[in-house]
Amino acid sequence: MTHASEFIVLAVTKVGDKSLVLHTLSPSWGRRSFITGVSRKAPMALFMPLSVIEGEVTENPKSDLWRLREVSAPVPLNGIRNDVRKNTMTLFMSEVLLRTLRDGANEPGLYDWCRSSILTLDALDSDFANYHLRFLLEFAGALGFSPSLPDLAPFAGEYLGVVKQLLTLDEAQSLLIPLTGAQRNAVASLLLDYIGFHTDTRISVRSLQVLRELYTDNG
């Protein structure tokens, strides 16, 4: 049986010279992995973190690893792919999703929220250095627990004021909160601790340090 669906790429694992295991999020299966081929029609560039792709899934009754064919990119994400800062941010965001969501996880509305978040980042022209912080707060909501200041206070420490701003300001205003790279890193870390507490997961995200270094020069 074959099904057409859209997918968000979370990560890839290379298998041999011409095959990949894609770790994805989709509206049909939630968090699930598929095997696919690499070719001129479906090059590696198609499978960068948080790429939005579509393809046809062929079920295999003998394996949980179904095959994904006829892969294409309905959304090119040029605003992200042409900006090294946004690419690094999507690396962080995809790693958070990968390390938090368990196989088969499919919260109602999760895929649509994630897709919308990617398209929003793609469309922003400037002032997006805080975007991953908004992403983490909204991710918590998408998982089913709505962040509040009393709930976040035990994790916030000296950054309680920043957390309050992130919770109370609208998205455009929250992206303008003046923070250094080190401060963003600290706030992201406490938000990851908060999400990890509620999901009973220890979320260790290696790309967070890269994100901090990338924005250090810009404050």
Protein backbone atom coordinates (compact mmCIF):
# COMPACT_ATOMS: atom_id res chain seq x y z
CA MET A 1 0.00 0.00 0.00
CA THR A 2 1.30 3.49 -0.91
CA HIS A 3 0.50 6.79 0.79
CA ALA A 4 1.41 10.35 -0.23
CA SER A 5 2.34 12.69 2.59
CA GLU A 6 4.35 15.73 3.57
CA PHE A 7 7.26 15.48 6.01
CA ILE A 8 9.60 17.67 8.05
CA VAL A 9 13.17 16.36 8.16
CA LEU A 10 14.59 16.19 11.68
CA ALA A 11 17.83 14.34 10.90
CA VAL A 12 19.36 11.82 8.52
CA THR A 13 21.47 8.69 8.97
CA LYS A 14 23.53 7.60 6.00
CA VAL A 15 23.20 3.94 5.00
CA GLY A 16 25.74 2.95 2.37
CA ASP A 17 26.50 5.26 -0.55
CA LYS A 18 23.03 5.84 -1.92
CA SER A 19 20.55 5.41 0.91
CA LEU A 20 19.46 7.44 3.92
CA VAL A 21 17.30 6.83 6.93
CA LEU A 22 15.19 9.95 7.33
CA HIS A 23 14.01 10.83 10.84
CA THR A 24 10.88 12.85 10.23
CA LEU A 25 7.75 14.45 11.56
CA SER A 26 4.61 14.11 9.46
CA PRO A 27 0.86 14.70 9.83
CA SER A 28 0.19 11.06 8.97
CA TRP A 29 2.63 9.24 11.27
CA GLY A 30 4.00 11.84 13.67
CA ARG A 31 7.62 11.12 14.57
CA ARG A 32 8.79 8.22 12.38
CA SER A 33 11.81 7.12 10.32
CA PHE A 34 11.84 6.05 6.67
CA ILE A 35 14.48 4.84 4.23
CA THR A 36 15.01 6.65 0.95
CA GLY A 37 17.53 6.90 -1.85
CA VAL A 38 19.88 9.71 -2.81
CA SER A 39 20.05 10.61 -6.49
CA ARG A 40 20.12 13.56 -8.84
CA LYS A 41 16.36 13.75 -8.46
CA ALA A 42 16.62 13.63 -4.66
CA PRO A 43 20.05 15.07 -3.71
CA MET A 44 21.39 15.41 -0.16
CA ALA A 45 20.52 19.13 -0.17
CA LEU A 46 16.87 18.11 -0.09
CA PHE A 47 17.27 16.61 3.39
CA MET A 48 18.74 19.47 5.42
CA PRO A 49 17.37 19.98 8.96
CA LEU A 50 13.73 21.15 8.96
CA SER A 51 13.36 20.82 5.21
CA VAL A 52 9.72 20.40 4.22
CA ILE A 53 9.46 17.56 1.72
CA GLU A 54 6.78 15.38 0.21
CA GLY A 55 6.87 11.85 -1.13
CA GLU A 56 5.17 8.49 -1.38
CA VAL A 57 5.48 5.94 1.41
CA THR A 58 5.35 2.24 0.60
CA GLU A 59 4.32 0.09 3.55
CA ASN A 60 6.37 -3.01 4.26
CA PRO A 61 4.59 -5.64 6.39
CA LYS A 62 7.95 -7.29 7.12
CA SER A 63 9.69 -4.17 8.45
CA ASP A 64 8.94 -1.05 10.50
CA LEU A 65 11.29 0.91 8.23
CA TRP A 66 9.10 1.78 5.27
CA ARG A 67 10.45 3.26 2.02
CA LEU A 68 9.93 6.86 0.94
CA ARG A 69 10.05 7.49 -2.82
CA GLU A 70 9.46 10.34 -5.28
CA VAL A 71 10.76 12.91 -2.81
CA SER A 72 10.46 16.60 -3.69
CA ALA A 73 10.45 19.94 -1.90
CA PRO A 74 7.15 21.83 -2.17
CA VAL A 75 8.61 24.63 -0.01
CA PRO A 76 12.16 25.72 -1.02
CA LEU A 77 12.92 27.71 2.20
CA ASN A 78 15.31 30.05 0.38
CA GLY A 79 15.14 32.53 3.25
CA ILE A 80 16.66 29.92 5.55
CA ARG A 81 19.07 28.18 3.18
CA ASN A 82 20.70 31.44 2.11
CA ASP A 83 21.42 32.57 5.69
CA VAL A 84 24.00 30.76 7.82
CA ARG A 85 22.42 32.07 11.04
CA LYS A 86 19.00 30.70 10.14
CA ASN A 87 20.51 27.39 9.05
CA THR A 88 22.22 27.09 12.42
CA MET A 89 18.95 27.92 14.17
CA THR A 90 17.10 25.20 12.24
CA LEU A 91 19.85 22.76 13.25
CA PHE A 92 19.10 23.60 16.89
CA MET A 93 15.32 23.43 16.42
CA SER A 94 15.46 20.09 14.62
CA GLU A 95 17.75 18.63 17.28
CA VAL A 96 15.29 19.69 20.00
CA LEU A 97 12.44 17.98 18.15
CA LEU A 98 14.51 14.87 17.51
CA ARG A 99 15.62 14.48 21.12
CA THR A 100 12.23 15.29 22.65
CA LEU A 101 9.70 13.48 20.47
CA ARG A 102 9.50 9.72 20.82
CA ASP A 103 8.85 7.43 17.87
CA GLY A 104 5.16 7.45 17.09
CA ALA A 105 4.53 10.71 18.96
CA ASN A 106 1.79 12.61 17.15
CA GLU A 107 0.25 15.33 19.30
CA PRO A 108 -2.78 16.95 17.63
CA GLY A 109 -1.69 20.06 15.77
CA LEU A 110 2.03 19.43 16.33
CA TYR A 111 2.92 19.08 12.67
CA ASP A 112 0.97 22.15 11.58
CA TRP A 113 2.55 24.24 14.34
CA CYS A 114 6.04 23.06 13.42
CA ARG A 115 5.51 23.75 9.71
CA SER A 116 4.18 27.23 10.50
CA SER A 117 7.21 27.93 12.73
CA ILE A 118 9.59 26.98 9.92
CA LEU A 119 7.81 29.19 7.39
CA THR A 120 7.80 32.11 9.84
CA LEU A 121 11.57 31.87 10.34
CA ASP A 122 12.03 31.58 6.59
CA ALA A 123 10.07 34.82 6.03
CA LEU A 124 11.81 36.96 8.69
CA ASP A 125 14.23 39.46 7.17
CA SER A 126 15.92 40.59 10.40
CA ASP A 127 15.70 40.58 14.20
CA PHE A 128 15.36 36.80 14.53
CA ALA A 129 18.17 36.12 17.04
CA ASN A 130 15.58 35.35 19.75
CA TYR A 131 13.39 33.21 17.51
CA HIS A 132 14.53 29.88 18.95
CA LEU A 133 13.45 31.05 22.41
CA ARG A 134 9.92 31.71 21.16
CA PHE A 135 10.08 28.36 19.41
CA LEU A 136 10.85 26.54 22.67
CA LEU A 137 7.97 28.18 24.53
CA GLU A 138 5.53 27.45 21.73
CA PHE A 139 6.86 23.88 21.47
CA ALA A 140 5.93 23.36 25.10
CA GLY A 141 2.41 24.50 24.26
CA ALA A 142 2.27 22.25 21.21
CA LEU A 143 3.18 19.30 23.44
CA GLY A 144 0.14 19.98 25.56
CA PHE A 145 1.42 21.91 28.57
CA SER A 146 1.01 25.67 28.42
CA PRO A 147 3.93 27.55 30.00
CA SER A 148 3.12 30.07 32.71
CA LEU A 149 5.38 32.28 34.81
CA PRO A 150 4.78 30.35 38.08
CA ASP A 151 5.48 27.09 36.24
CA LEU A 152 8.71 28.44 34.74
CA ALA A 153 9.95 30.32 37.81
CA PRO A 154 11.77 27.34 39.41
CA PHE A 155 13.86 26.99 36.23
CA ALA A 156 14.38 30.68 35.43
CA GLY A 157 16.66 31.93 38.22
CA GLU A 158 18.14 35.32 37.34
CA TYR A 159 16.41 35.23 33.96
CA LEU A 160 12.87 35.37 35.34
CA GLY A 161 12.43 38.88 33.93
CA VAL A 162 13.43 37.75 30.44
CA VAL A 163 11.11 34.76 30.66
CA LYS A 164 8.25 37.07 31.72
CA GLN A 165 8.89 39.25 28.67
CA LEU A 166 8.90 36.22 26.37
CA LEU A 167 5.58 35.10 27.82
CA THR A 168 3.81 38.45 27.79
CA LEU A 169 5.10 40.26 24.69
CA ASP A 170 3.77 39.44 21.25
CA GLU A 171 6.08 37.65 18.83
CA ALA A 172 7.38 40.77 17.08
CA GLN A 173 8.19 42.49 20.38
CA SER A 174 9.78 39.40 21.94
CA LEU A 175 12.19 39.13 19.02
CA LEU A 176 13.47 42.62 19.91
CA ILE A 177 14.37 41.84 23.55
CA PRO A 178 18.06 42.88 23.81
CA LEU A 179 20.10 39.82 24.80
CA THR A 180 23.72 38.77 24.40
CA GLY A 181 24.65 35.41 22.94
CA ALA A 182 25.46 34.13 26.44
CA GLN A 183 22.08 35.28 27.79
CA ARG A 184 20.19 33.63 24.94
CA ASN A 185 22.13 30.44 25.59
CA ALA A 186 21.21 30.50 29.28
CA VAL A 187 17.51 31.15 28.59
CA ALA A 188 17.43 28.40 25.96
CA SER A 189 19.04 26.00 28.45
CA LEU A 190 16.49 26.72 31.18
CA LEU A 191 13.63 26.32 28.70
CA LEU A 192 15.08 22.96 27.63
CA ASP A 193 15.23 21.94 31.30
CA TYR A 194 11.59 22.96 31.67
CA ILE A 195 10.50 20.95 28.62
CA GLY A 196 12.63 18.00 29.75
CA PHE A 197 11.01 18.05 33.18
CA HIS A 198 7.51 17.89 31.69
CA THR A 199 8.39 15.22 29.13
CA ASP A 200 10.59 13.16 31.46
CA THR A 201 13.45 13.57 28.99
CA ARG A 202 17.02 14.74 29.43
CA ILE A 203 17.45 17.08 26.44
CA SER A 204 21.11 17.58 25.57
CA VAL A 205 21.39 19.73 22.43
CA ARG A 206 24.90 20.00 21.04
CA SER A 207 24.03 22.72 18.51
CA LEU A 208 23.10 25.19 21.26
CA GLN A 209 26.76 26.13 21.78
CA VAL A 210 27.20 26.72 18.04
CA LEU A 211 24.17 29.01 18.10
CA ARG A 212 25.63 30.96 21.00
CA GLU A 213 28.97 31.45 19.26
CA LEU A 214 27.28 32.51 16.04
CA TYR A 215 25.47 35.39 17.72
CA THR A 216 28.21 36.42 20.14
CA ASP A 217 29.67 38.96 17.75
CA ASN A 218 26.26 40.54 17.26
CA GLY A 219 25.53 40.78 20.99
